[in-house]
Amino acid sequence: MKALVFTEFGTPDVLHLAEVPDPILGPRDALVRIAYAGLNFADVYRRQGNYHLKGKSPWILGYEGSGHIEAVGADIEGLRIGDRVAFADSPFSNAEFAVVDTDKIIPVPSDITLETAAAVLLQGLTAQYLVSDSYDIRPGDVALVHAAGGGVGLLLCQLARDKGAKVVAIASSETKRQAALRVGANFAFGYENWRETVIAATGEVDVAYDSVGSTLTESLAVVRTGGSVVFYGMAGGDPQPVDPRVLMDRSLKFIGGDLWNVLKTREDRIERSSKLFSLIGSGKLSVEIAAVFPLSEGASGHRLLEERSVIGKILLCVAAS
């Protein structure tokens, strides 16, 4: 089969299309013919040698994708050849075929395209647990979303608004701020003096979603007494250590978040993804797709992602290669 591979760490130039052996199907696996693979910063970090990487050289990237069932293992029930499926946490999706543990297989309903399924699962399931598990947003809450123009940020703005929150988006460029407003944010501000600007506009914030890291101290300062800060990423660098007395003095709640502590079973994956797909089908959740590259042009997708100017998801179309 064809796959996008690399044999040494480095820039996007190390990526190239090559013939590799077909994956071996296990008794509890499904063989998925990949249609689309989602591109994430984790793929960039793996290519650079800065993140955990499965397999051996030549390495194949990609941890989420969508496609059709090509074959099923001997111990599998309930999946048929030709079924439309997706997954968010199984490796090697940057290839014509990928073997996926059936516990991680998510059925794709007929009204959701495979393109949308590949674009929404990882970021959408993340945004979903942030507004329900990490902090259960209530109608009337003021929710501050950092990096609101990013993949999770845009979905987070929409899901928080759907639950009745007043959403304050913080983003690094005017284009990204306009994107956040377009999907339903009530306010959108830049990072210059953002804490003072937010307080002047809203009075107080109930919950701040911080995926930047370097902004964490100010996020703790901007939420009201008794408010919450949900920390789930470090795109802007490592945060300063948090003094527990800051939490005690203002009765703050400081919550960490990681999707894989929530998605523990196949039932979890199907139930939560079904809710996401339902919101998309009803028009309450829109999925921004920034660009689609053939798998053979995967290096171009990596370059675009590394520019950090893109709004929405970058996909690799495997069928086009």
C-alpha atoms as a PDB file:
ATOM      1  CA  MET A   1       0.000   0.000   0.000  1.00  0.00           C
ATOM      2  CA  LYS A   2       0.986   3.665  -0.334  1.00  0.00           C
ATOM      3  CA  ALA A   3       1.736   5.719   2.778  1.00  0.00           C
ATOM      4  CA  LEU A   4       3.170   9.104   3.696  1.00  0.00           C
ATOM      5  CA  VAL A   5       6.390   8.230   5.517  1.00  0.00           C
ATOM      6  CA  PHE A   6       9.612   9.649   6.900  1.00  0.00           C
ATOM      7  CA  THR A   7      12.862   7.980   7.900  1.00  0.00           C
ATOM      8  CA  GLU A   8      14.473  10.835   9.811  1.00  0.00           C
ATOM      9  CA  PHE A   9      13.216  13.678  11.962  1.00  0.00           C
ATOM     10  CA  GLY A  10      13.105  17.166  10.530  1.00  0.00           C
ATOM     11  CA  THR A  11      11.157  19.686   8.465  1.00  0.00           C
ATOM     12  CA  PRO A  12       8.161  18.780   6.268  1.00  0.00           C
ATOM     13  CA  ASP A  13      10.673  17.988   3.526  1.00  0.00           C
ATOM     14  CA  VAL A  14      11.385  14.610   5.183  1.00  0.00           C
ATOM     15  CA  LEU A  15       7.866  13.439   4.266  1.00  0.00           C
ATOM     16  CA  HIS A  16       7.351  11.455   1.072  1.00  0.00           C
ATOM     17  CA  LEU A  17       4.969   8.927  -0.436  1.00  0.00           C
ATOM     18  CA  ALA A  18       6.251   5.333  -0.505  1.00  0.00           C
ATOM     19  CA  GLU A  19       5.150   1.728  -0.850  1.00  0.00           C
ATOM     20  CA  VAL A  20       5.033  -0.077   2.504  1.00  0.00           C
ATOM     21  CA  PRO A  21       3.757  -3.509   3.572  1.00  0.00           C
ATOM     22  CA  ASP A  22       0.019  -3.847   4.160  1.00  0.00           C
ATOM     23  CA  PRO A  23      -0.921  -3.861   7.885  1.00  0.00           C
ATOM     24  CA  ILE A  24      -1.693  -7.191   9.531  1.00  0.00           C
ATOM     25  CA  LEU A  25      -5.277  -7.692  10.703  1.00  0.00           C
ATOM     26  CA  GLY A  26      -5.754  -9.063  14.228  1.00  0.00           C
ATOM     27  CA  PRO A  27      -8.814 -10.978  15.495  1.00  0.00           C
ATOM     28  CA  ARG A  28     -10.222  -7.888  17.273  1.00  0.00           C
ATOM     29  CA  ASP A  29      -9.308  -5.400  14.546  1.00  0.00           C
ATOM     30  CA  ALA A  30     -10.934  -3.837  11.525  1.00  0.00           C
ATOM     31  CA  LEU A  31      -9.064  -2.937   8.360  1.00  0.00           C
ATOM     32  CA  VAL A  32     -10.129   0.566   7.274  1.00  0.00           C
ATOM     33  CA  ARG A  33      -9.603   1.878   3.757  1.00  0.00           C
ATOM     34  CA  ILE A  34      -8.758   5.479   4.615  1.00  0.00           C
ATOM     35  CA  ALA A  35     -10.599   8.276   2.816  1.00  0.00           C
ATOM     36  CA  TYR A  36      -9.422  11.240   4.901  1.00  0.00           C
ATOM     37  CA  ALA A  37      -6.849  11.659   7.655  1.00  0.00           C
ATOM     38  CA  GLY A  38      -6.903  14.590  10.059  1.00  0.00           C
ATOM     39  CA  LEU A  39      -3.705  16.598  10.486  1.00  0.00           C
ATOM     40  CA  ASN A  40      -2.815  17.761  13.997  1.00  0.00           C
ATOM     41  CA  PHE A  41       0.067  19.500  15.744  1.00  0.00           C
ATOM     42  CA  ALA A  42       0.873  16.161  17.369  1.00  0.00           C
ATOM     43  CA  ASP A  43       1.831  14.944  13.875  1.00  0.00           C
ATOM     44  CA  VAL A  44       4.189  17.903  13.515  1.00  0.00           C
ATOM     45  CA  TYR A  45       5.772  17.179  16.898  1.00  0.00           C
ATOM     46  CA  ARG A  46       6.201  13.500  16.019  1.00  0.00           C
ATOM     47  CA  ARG A  47       7.806  14.393  12.691  1.00  0.00           C
ATOM     48  CA  GLN A  48      10.210  16.685  14.555  1.00  0.00           C
ATOM     49  CA  GLY A  49      11.065  13.939  17.060  1.00  0.00           C
ATOM     50  CA  ASN A  50       9.500  15.749  20.021  1.00  0.00           C
ATOM     51  CA  TYR A  51       6.540  13.452  20.743  1.00  0.00           C
ATOM     52  CA  HIS A  52       5.830   9.758  21.269  1.00  0.00           C
ATOM     53  CA  LEU A  53       5.810   7.818  18.007  1.00  0.00           C
ATOM     54  CA  LYS A  54       4.574   4.295  17.338  1.00  0.00           C
ATOM     55  CA  GLY A  55       6.235   1.812  15.036  1.00  0.00           C
ATOM     56  CA  LYS A  56       9.675   1.912  13.481  1.00  0.00           C
ATOM     57  CA  SER A  57      11.278   3.608  10.467  1.00  0.00           C
ATOM     58  CA  PRO A  58       9.857   4.302   7.948  1.00  0.00           C
ATOM     59  CA  TRP A  59       7.366   5.971  10.266  1.00  0.00           C
ATOM     60  CA  ILE A  60       3.738   6.674   9.345  1.00  0.00           C
ATOM     61  CA  LEU A  61       1.931   9.593  10.983  1.00  0.00           C
ATOM     62  CA  GLY A  62      -1.770  10.164  11.595  1.00  0.00           C
ATOM     63  CA  TYR A  63      -3.955   9.274  14.584  1.00  0.00           C
ATOM     64  CA  GLU A  64      -7.434  10.103  13.257  1.00  0.00           C
ATOM     65  CA  GLY A  65      -9.231   9.383  10.047  1.00  0.00           C
ATOM     66  CA  SER A  66     -12.343   8.157   8.268  1.00  0.00           C
ATOM     67  CA  GLY A  67     -13.130   5.627   5.578  1.00  0.00           C
ATOM     68  CA  HIS A  68     -14.778   2.281   4.899  1.00  0.00           C
ATOM     69  CA  ILE A  69     -14.384  -1.121   6.496  1.00  0.00           C
ATOM     70  CA  GLU A  70     -12.336  -3.304   4.140  1.00  0.00           C
ATOM     71  CA  ALA A  71     -12.087  -6.416   6.333  1.00  0.00           C
ATOM     72  CA  VAL A  72     -12.835  -7.490   9.905  1.00  0.00           C
ATOM     73  CA  GLY A  73     -11.056  -9.819  12.304  1.00  0.00           C
ATOM     74  CA  ALA A  74     -12.319 -13.278  13.161  1.00  0.00           C
ATOM     75  CA  ASP A  75     -13.703 -12.246  16.559  1.00  0.00           C
ATOM     76  CA  ILE A  76     -15.639  -9.183  15.358  1.00  0.00           C
ATOM     77  CA  GLU A  77     -19.425  -8.815  15.408  1.00  0.00           C
ATOM     78  CA  GLY A  78     -21.522  -5.812  14.451  1.00  0.00           C
ATOM     79  CA  LEU A  79     -19.209  -4.414  11.758  1.00  0.00           C
ATOM     80  CA  ARG A  80     -19.608  -5.155   8.066  1.00  0.00           C
ATOM     81  CA  ILE A  81     -17.422  -4.657   5.018  1.00  0.00           C
ATOM     82  CA  GLY A  82     -18.322  -1.310   3.459  1.00  0.00           C
ATOM     83  CA  ASP A  83     -19.442   0.370   6.701  1.00  0.00           C
ATOM     84  CA  ARG A  84     -18.595   4.089   6.931  1.00  0.00           C
ATOM     85  CA  VAL A  85     -16.467   4.612  10.032  1.00  0.00           C
ATOM     86  CA  ALA A  86     -14.054   7.015  11.704  1.00  0.00           C
ATOM     87  CA  PHE A  87     -11.581   7.000  14.578  1.00  0.00           C
ATOM     88  CA  ALA A  88      -9.739   9.571  16.674  1.00  0.00           C
ATOM     89  CA  ASP A  89      -7.035   7.688  18.532  1.00  0.00           C
ATOM     90  CA  SER A  90      -5.474   4.966  16.413  1.00  0.00           C
ATOM     91  CA  PRO A  91      -2.114   5.329  14.613  1.00  0.00           C
ATOM     92  CA  PHE A  92      -0.965   5.151  10.992  1.00  0.00           C
ATOM     93  CA  SER A  93      -3.904   6.866   9.254  1.00  0.00           C
ATOM     94  CA  ASN A  94      -1.567   8.555   6.720  1.00  0.00           C
ATOM     95  CA  ALA A  95      -1.849   5.485   4.509  1.00  0.00           C
ATOM     96  CA  GLU A  96      -4.242   3.710   2.163  1.00  0.00           C
ATOM     97  CA  PHE A  97      -5.180   1.230   4.906  1.00  0.00           C
ATOM     98  CA  ALA A  98      -5.026   1.247   8.698  1.00  0.00           C
ATOM     99  CA  VAL A  99      -5.735  -1.485  11.220  1.00  0.00           C
ATOM    100  CA  VAL A 100      -7.957  -0.113  13.991  1.00  0.00           C
ATOM    101  CA  ASP A 101      -8.961  -1.817  17.232  1.00  0.00           C
ATOM    102  CA  THR A 102     -12.734  -2.154  17.012  1.00  0.00           C
ATOM    103  CA  ASP A 103     -13.143  -0.514  20.419  1.00  0.00           C
ATOM    104  CA  LYS A 104     -11.970   2.679  18.702  1.00  0.00           C
ATOM    105  CA  ILE A 105     -14.205   2.403  15.637  1.00  0.00           C
ATOM    106  CA  ILE A 106     -16.968   5.031  15.455  1.00  0.00           C
ATOM    107  CA  PRO A 107     -19.854   4.544  12.987  1.00  0.00           C
ATOM    108  CA  VAL A 108     -20.493   7.565  10.745  1.00  0.00           C
ATOM    109  CA  PRO A 109     -24.191   8.306  10.103  1.00  0.00           C
ATOM    110  CA  SER A 110     -25.421   8.748   6.548  1.00  0.00           C
ATOM    111  CA  ASP A 111     -25.968  12.513   6.889  1.00  0.00           C
ATOM    112  CA  ILE A 112     -22.328  13.169   7.911  1.00  0.00           C
ATOM    113  CA  THR A 113     -19.656  13.151   5.209  1.00  0.00           C
ATOM    114  CA  LEU A 114     -16.431  11.242   5.737  1.00  0.00           C
ATOM    115  CA  GLU A 115     -14.630  14.555   5.260  1.00  0.00           C
ATOM    116  CA  THR A 116     -16.537  16.102   8.181  1.00  0.00           C
ATOM    117  CA  ALA A 117     -16.057  13.017  10.358  1.00  0.00           C
ATOM    118  CA  ALA A 118     -12.285  13.129   9.912  1.00  0.00           C
ATOM    119  CA  ALA A 119     -12.281  16.859  10.641  1.00  0.00           C
ATOM    120  CA  VAL A 120     -14.361  16.927  13.805  1.00  0.00           C
ATOM    121  CA  LEU A 121     -13.688  13.928  16.027  1.00  0.00           C
ATOM    122  CA  LEU A 122     -10.471  14.726  17.876  1.00  0.00           C
ATOM    123  CA  GLN A 123     -11.135  18.437  18.391  1.00  0.00           C
ATOM    124  CA  GLY A 124     -14.895  18.012  18.724  1.00  0.00           C
ATOM    125  CA  LEU A 125     -14.732  15.317  21.382  1.00  0.00           C
ATOM    126  CA  THR A 126     -12.197  17.474  23.229  1.00  0.00           C
ATOM    127  CA  ALA A 127     -14.428  20.557  23.145  1.00  0.00           C
ATOM    128  CA  GLN A 128     -17.393  18.444  24.168  1.00  0.00           C
ATOM    129  CA  TYR A 129     -15.842  17.124  27.386  1.00  0.00           C
ATOM    130  CA  LEU A 130     -14.480  20.568  28.250  1.00  0.00           C
ATOM    131  CA  VAL A 131     -17.974  22.081  28.364  1.00  0.00           C
ATOM    132  CA  SER A 132     -19.594  19.121  30.109  1.00  0.00           C
ATOM    133  CA  ASP A 133     -17.070  17.107  32.153  1.00  0.00           C
ATOM    134  CA  SER A 134     -14.310  19.560  33.052  1.00  0.00           C
ATOM    135  CA  TYR A 135     -16.804  22.336  33.731  1.00  0.00           C
ATOM    136  CA  ASP A 136     -20.501  21.832  33.118  1.00  0.00           C
ATOM    137  CA  ILE A 137     -21.556  25.118  31.544  1.00  0.00           C
ATOM    138  CA  ARG A 138     -24.884  26.524  32.721  1.00  0.00           C
ATOM    139  CA  PRO A 139     -27.108  29.055  30.938  1.00  0.00           C
ATOM    140  CA  GLY A 140     -25.908  32.575  31.688  1.00  0.00           C
ATOM    141  CA  ASP A 141     -22.291  31.619  32.422  1.00  0.00           C
ATOM    142  CA  VAL A 142     -19.574  33.806  30.971  1.00  0.00           C
ATOM    143  CA  ALA A 143     -17.034  31.509  29.300  1.00  0.00           C
ATOM    144  CA  LEU A 144     -13.644  32.768  28.111  1.00  0.00           C
ATOM    145  CA  VAL A 145     -12.014  30.763  25.312  1.00  0.00           C
ATOM    146  CA  HIS A 146      -8.302  31.170  24.576  1.00  0.00           C
ATOM    147  CA  ALA A 147      -6.994  30.435  21.064  1.00  0.00           C
ATOM    148  CA  ALA A 148     -10.577  30.764  19.897  1.00  0.00           C
ATOM    149  CA  GLY A 149      -9.639  30.682  16.214  1.00  0.00           C
ATOM    150  CA  GLY A 150      -8.053  27.233  16.455  1.00  0.00           C
ATOM    151  CA  GLY A 151      -9.626  23.851  15.820  1.00  0.00           C
ATOM    152  CA  VAL A 152     -10.768  23.208  19.404  1.00  0.00           C
ATOM    153  CA  GLY A 153     -11.400  26.892  20.057  1.00  0.00           C
ATOM    154  CA  LEU A 154     -13.966  27.350  17.280  1.00  0.00           C
ATOM    155  CA  LEU A 155     -15.852  24.232  18.367  1.00  0.00           C
ATOM    156  CA  LEU A 156     -15.610  25.236  22.020  1.00  0.00           C
ATOM    157  CA  CYS A 157     -17.170  28.624  21.259  1.00  0.00           C
ATOM    158  CA  GLN A 158     -20.103  26.915  19.561  1.00  0.00           C
ATOM    159  CA  LEU A 159     -20.691  24.236  22.195  1.00  0.00           C
ATOM    160  CA  ALA A 160     -20.487  26.771  25.031  1.00  0.00           C
ATOM    161  CA  ARG A 161     -22.935  29.057  23.234  1.00  0.00           C
ATOM    162  CA  ASP A 162     -25.279  26.110  22.598  1.00  0.00           C
ATOM    163  CA  LYS A 163     -25.371  25.480  26.343  1.00  0.00           C
ATOM    164  CA  GLY A 164     -26.426  29.061  26.982  1.00  0.00           C
ATOM    165  CA  ALA A 165     -23.104  30.725  27.842  1.00  0.00           C
ATOM    166  CA  LYS A 166     -21.991  34.200  26.895  1.00  0.00           C
ATOM    167  CA  VAL A 167     -18.738  33.493  25.053  1.00  0.00           C
ATOM    168  CA  VAL A 168     -15.647  35.703  25.131  1.00  0.00           C
ATOM    169  CA  ALA A 169     -13.135  34.708  22.462  1.00  0.00           C
ATOM    170  CA  ILE A 170      -9.440  35.572  22.666  1.00  0.00           C
ATOM    171  CA  ALA A 171      -7.448  35.108  19.467  1.00  0.00           C
ATOM    172  CA  SER A 172      -4.160  36.307  18.026  1.00  0.00           C
ATOM    173  CA  SER A 173      -5.359  37.823  14.742  1.00  0.00           C
ATOM    174  CA  GLU A 174      -8.311  39.794  13.444  1.00  0.00           C
ATOM    175  CA  THR A 175      -9.114  37.013  10.992  1.00  0.00           C
ATOM    176  CA  LYS A 176      -9.339  34.476  13.806  1.00  0.00           C
ATOM    177  CA  ARG A 177     -11.404  36.847  15.939  1.00  0.00           C
ATOM    178  CA  GLN A 178     -13.853  37.312  13.095  1.00  0.00           C
ATOM    179  CA  ALA A 179     -14.066  33.538  12.701  1.00  0.00           C
ATOM    180  CA  ALA A 180     -14.955  33.181  16.400  1.00  0.00           C
ATOM    181  CA  LEU A 181     -17.653  35.855  16.090  1.00  0.00           C
ATOM    182  CA  ARG A 182     -18.981  34.148  12.974  1.00  0.00           C
ATOM    183  CA  VAL A 183     -19.604  30.890  14.832  1.00  0.00           C
ATOM    184  CA  GLY A 184     -21.314  32.578  17.763  1.00  0.00           C
ATOM    185  CA  ALA A 185     -18.887  34.228  20.187  1.00  0.00           C
ATOM    186  CA  ASN A 186     -20.396  37.349  21.816  1.00  0.00           C
ATOM    187  CA  PHE A 187     -17.059  39.153  22.092  1.00  0.00           C
ATOM    188  CA  ALA A 188     -13.683  38.673  20.442  1.00  0.00           C
ATOM    189  CA  PHE A 189     -10.492  40.369  21.658  1.00  0.00           C
ATOM    190  CA  GLY A 190      -6.770  40.199  20.943  1.00  0.00           C
ATOM    191  CA  TYR A 191      -4.082  39.325  23.475  1.00  0.00           C
ATOM    192  CA  GLU A 192      -2.882  42.873  24.149  1.00  0.00           C
ATOM    193  CA  ASN A 193      -4.228  43.889  27.602  1.00  0.00           C
ATOM    194  CA  TRP A 194      -6.806  41.156  27.208  1.00  0.00           C
ATOM    195  CA  ARG A 195      -7.502  40.725  30.929  1.00  0.00           C
ATOM    196  CA  GLU A 196      -8.505  44.374  31.409  1.00  0.00           C
ATOM    197  CA  THR A 197     -10.504  44.350  28.168  1.00  0.00           C
ATOM    198  CA  VAL A 198     -12.456  41.251  29.150  1.00  0.00           C
ATOM    199  CA  ILE A 199     -13.296  42.569  32.619  1.00  0.00           C
ATOM    200  CA  ALA A 200     -14.453  45.888  31.154  1.00  0.00           C
ATOM    201  CA  ALA A 201     -16.718  44.086  28.673  1.00  0.00           C
ATOM    202  CA  THR A 202     -18.196  41.363  30.867  1.00  0.00           C
ATOM    203  CA  GLY A 203     -17.667  42.343  34.504  1.00  0.00           C
ATOM    204  CA  GLU A 204     -16.713  38.831  35.528  1.00  0.00           C
ATOM    205  CA  VAL A 205     -15.895  35.439  34.023  1.00  0.00           C
ATOM    206  CA  ASP A 206     -17.231  32.139  35.344  1.00  0.00           C
ATOM    207  CA  VAL A 207     -14.866  29.808  33.483  1.00  0.00           C
ATOM    208  CA  ALA A 208     -11.714  30.304  31.414  1.00  0.00           C
ATOM    209  CA  TYR A 209     -10.581  27.603  28.985  1.00  0.00           C
ATOM    210  CA  ASP A 210      -6.797  27.902  28.666  1.00  0.00           C
ATOM    211  CA  SER A 211      -4.881  25.935  26.036  1.00  0.00           C
ATOM    212  CA  VAL A 212      -2.073  28.490  25.746  1.00  0.00           C
ATOM    213  CA  GLY A 213      -0.246  27.869  29.031  1.00  0.00           C
ATOM    214  CA  SER A 214       1.731  31.099  29.223  1.00  0.00           C
ATOM    215  CA  THR A 215      -1.564  32.899  29.892  1.00  0.00           C
ATOM    216  CA  LEU A 216      -2.502  30.759  32.882  1.00  0.00           C
ATOM    217  CA  THR A 217      -1.649  33.292  35.610  1.00  0.00           C
ATOM    218  CA  GLU A 218      -3.875  35.908  33.997  1.00  0.00           C
ATOM    219  CA  SER A 219      -6.631  33.340  33.412  1.00  0.00           C
ATOM    220  CA  LEU A 220      -6.704  32.662  37.141  1.00  0.00           C
ATOM    221  CA  ALA A 221      -6.859  36.405  37.763  1.00  0.00           C
ATOM    222  CA  VAL A 222      -9.685  37.112  35.309  1.00  0.00           C
ATOM    223  CA  VAL A 223     -12.228  34.611  36.646  1.00  0.00           C
ATOM    224  CA  ARG A 224     -14.577  35.632  39.429  1.00  0.00           C
ATOM    225  CA  THR A 225     -14.216  34.552  43.056  1.00  0.00           C
ATOM    226  CA  GLY A 226     -15.352  30.934  43.054  1.00  0.00           C
ATOM    227  CA  GLY A 227     -14.747  30.677  39.301  1.00  0.00           C
ATOM    228  CA  SER A 228     -12.968  27.949  37.369  1.00  0.00           C
ATOM    229  CA  VAL A 229      -9.992  27.678  35.054  1.00  0.00           C
ATOM    230  CA  VAL A 230      -9.745  24.627  32.787  1.00  0.00           C
ATOM    231  CA  PHE A 231      -6.171  24.015  31.618  1.00  0.00           C
ATOM    232  CA  TYR A 232      -5.810  21.669  28.668  1.00  0.00           C
ATOM    233  CA  GLY A 233      -2.805  22.732  26.581  1.00  0.00           C
ATOM    234  CA  MET A 234       0.460  24.655  26.321  1.00  0.00           C
ATOM    235  CA  ALA A 235       0.523  26.003  22.751  1.00  0.00           C
ATOM    236  CA  GLY A 236       2.150  29.229  23.963  1.00  0.00           C
ATOM    237  CA  GLY A 237       4.738  27.677  26.259  1.00  0.00           C
ATOM    238  CA  ASP A 238       4.985  26.236  29.754  1.00  0.00           C
ATOM    239  CA  PRO A 239       2.881  28.016  32.391  1.00  0.00           C
ATOM    240  CA  GLN A 240       4.264  29.545  35.543  1.00  0.00           C
ATOM    241  CA  PRO A 241       3.786  27.378  38.657  1.00  0.00           C
ATOM    242  CA  VAL A 242       0.441  27.940  40.375  1.00  0.00           C
ATOM    243  CA  ASP A 243       0.581  28.979  44.042  1.00  0.00           C
ATOM    244  CA  PRO A 244      -2.173  27.013  45.862  1.00  0.00           C
ATOM    245  CA  ARG A 245      -2.788  30.076  48.035  1.00  0.00           C
ATOM    246  CA  VAL A 246      -4.130  31.865  44.953  1.00  0.00           C
ATOM    247  CA  LEU A 247      -6.776  29.160  44.689  1.00  0.00           C
ATOM    248  CA  MET A 248      -7.523  29.255  48.399  1.00  0.00           C
ATOM    249  CA  ASP A 249      -7.758  33.039  48.735  1.00  0.00           C
ATOM    250  CA  ARG A 250     -10.437  33.360  46.042  1.00  0.00           C
ATOM    251  CA  SER A 251     -11.995  29.874  46.250  1.00  0.00           C
ATOM    252  CA  LEU A 252     -10.926  29.145  42.665  1.00  0.00           C
ATOM    253  CA  LYS A 253     -11.216  25.797  40.936  1.00  0.00           C
ATOM    254  CA  PHE A 254      -8.249  24.769  38.793  1.00  0.00           C
ATOM    255  CA  ILE A 255      -9.030  21.808  36.559  1.00  0.00           C
ATOM    256  CA  GLY A 256      -6.799  19.816  34.229  1.00  0.00           C
ATOM    257  CA  GLY A 257      -8.222  18.152  31.151  1.00  0.00           C
ATOM    258  CA  ASP A 258      -7.247  15.275  28.897  1.00  0.00           C
ATOM    259  CA  LEU A 259      -9.620  13.575  26.459  1.00  0.00           C
ATOM    260  CA  TRP A 260      -8.194  10.099  27.000  1.00  0.00           C
ATOM    261  CA  ASN A 261      -9.262  10.125  30.651  1.00  0.00           C
ATOM    262  CA  VAL A 262     -12.845  10.449  29.392  1.00  0.00           C
ATOM    263  CA  LEU A 263     -12.943   8.111  26.377  1.00  0.00           C
ATOM    264  CA  LYS A 264     -12.430   4.780  28.088  1.00  0.00           C
ATOM    265  CA  THR A 265     -14.775   2.435  26.212  1.00  0.00           C
ATOM    266  CA  ARG A 266     -16.253   1.987  22.742  1.00  0.00           C
ATOM    267  CA  GLU A 267     -19.615   2.921  24.230  1.00  0.00           C
ATOM    268  CA  ASP A 268     -18.139   6.236  25.424  1.00  0.00           C
ATOM    269  CA  ARG A 269     -16.812   6.974  21.952  1.00  0.00           C
ATOM    270  CA  ILE A 270     -20.046   6.130  20.172  1.00  0.00           C
ATOM    271  CA  GLU A 271     -22.303   7.965  22.634  1.00  0.00           C
ATOM    272  CA  ARG A 272     -20.257  11.156  22.604  1.00  0.00           C
ATOM    273  CA  SER A 273     -19.591  11.172  18.875  1.00  0.00           C
ATOM    274  CA  SER A 274     -23.294  10.583  18.206  1.00  0.00           C
ATOM    275  CA  LYS A 275     -24.095  13.758  20.126  1.00  0.00           C
ATOM    276  CA  LEU A 276     -21.520  15.650  18.067  1.00  0.00           C
ATOM    277  CA  PHE A 277     -22.894  14.301  14.798  1.00  0.00           C
ATOM    278  CA  SER A 278     -26.421  15.223  15.912  1.00  0.00           C
ATOM    279  CA  LEU A 279     -25.399  18.828  16.560  1.00  0.00           C
ATOM    280  CA  ILE A 280     -23.758  18.983  13.127  1.00  0.00           C
ATOM    281  CA  GLY A 281     -26.812  17.484  11.448  1.00  0.00           C
ATOM    282  CA  SER A 282     -29.116  19.998  13.140  1.00  0.00           C
ATOM    283  CA  GLY A 283     -26.935  22.931  12.089  1.00  0.00           C
ATOM    284  CA  LYS A 284     -25.977  23.857  15.657  1.00  0.00           C
ATOM    285  CA  LEU A 285     -22.319  22.974  15.120  1.00  0.00           C
ATOM    286  CA  SER A 286     -20.315  23.916  12.039  1.00  0.00           C
ATOM    287  CA  VAL A 287     -16.990  22.353  11.159  1.00  0.00           C
ATOM    288  CA  GLU A 288     -14.411  24.588   9.491  1.00  0.00           C
ATOM    289  CA  ILE A 289     -12.186  22.782   6.980  1.00  0.00           C
ATOM    290  CA  ALA A 290      -9.283  25.016   6.041  1.00  0.00           C
ATOM    291  CA  ALA A 291      -7.680  22.903   3.329  1.00  0.00           C
ATOM    292  CA  VAL A 292      -7.587  19.387   1.880  1.00  0.00           C
ATOM    293  CA  PHE A 293      -4.316  18.064   0.444  1.00  0.00           C
ATOM    294  CA  PRO A 294      -3.747  14.787  -1.389  1.00  0.00           C
ATOM    295  CA  LEU A 295      -1.719  12.413   0.765  1.00  0.00           C
ATOM    296  CA  SER A 296       1.151  12.802  -1.702  1.00  0.00           C
ATOM    297  CA  GLU A 297       1.236  16.516  -0.814  1.00  0.00           C
ATOM    298  CA  GLY A 298       1.194  15.938   2.931  1.00  0.00           C
ATOM    299  CA  ALA A 299       4.321  18.046   3.383  1.00  0.00           C
ATOM    300  CA  SER A 300       2.361  21.069   2.143  1.00  0.00           C
ATOM    301  CA  GLY A 301      -0.275  20.404   4.790  1.00  0.00           C
ATOM    302  CA  HIS A 302       2.402  20.322   7.477  1.00  0.00           C
ATOM    303  CA  ARG A 303       3.861  23.623   6.259  1.00  0.00           C
ATOM    304  CA  LEU A 304       0.458  25.290   6.327  1.00  0.00           C
ATOM    305  CA  LEU A 305      -0.276  24.021   9.835  1.00  0.00           C
ATOM    306  CA  GLU A 306       3.094  25.229  11.123  1.00  0.00           C
ATOM    307  CA  GLU A 307       2.322  28.757   9.926  1.00  0.00           C
ATOM    308  CA  ARG A 308      -0.350  28.880  12.697  1.00  0.00           C
ATOM    309  CA  SER A 309      -2.465  31.177  10.555  1.00  0.00           C
ATOM    310  CA  VAL A 310      -4.938  28.560   9.403  1.00  0.00           C
ATOM    311  CA  ILE A 311      -8.557  28.642  10.582  1.00  0.00           C
ATOM    312  CA  GLY A 312     -10.167  25.228  10.835  1.00  0.00           C
ATOM    313  CA  LYS A 313      -8.964  21.713  10.116  1.00  0.00           C
ATOM    314  CA  ILE A 314      -6.421  20.525   7.559  1.00  0.00           C
ATOM    315  CA  LEU A 315      -7.160  17.144   6.031  1.00  0.00           C
ATOM    316  CA  LEU A 316      -5.170  14.728   3.910  1.00  0.00           C
ATOM    317  CA  CYS A 317      -7.242  13.031   1.195  1.00  0.00           C
ATOM    318  CA  VAL A 318      -5.858   9.549   0.853  1.00  0.00           C
ATOM    319  CA  ALA A 319      -8.065   8.551  -2.085  1.00  0.00           C
ATOM    320  CA  ALA A 320      -6.562  11.400  -4.142  1.00  0.00           C
ATOM    321  CA  SER A 321      -3.119   9.816  -3.876  1.00  0.00           C
END
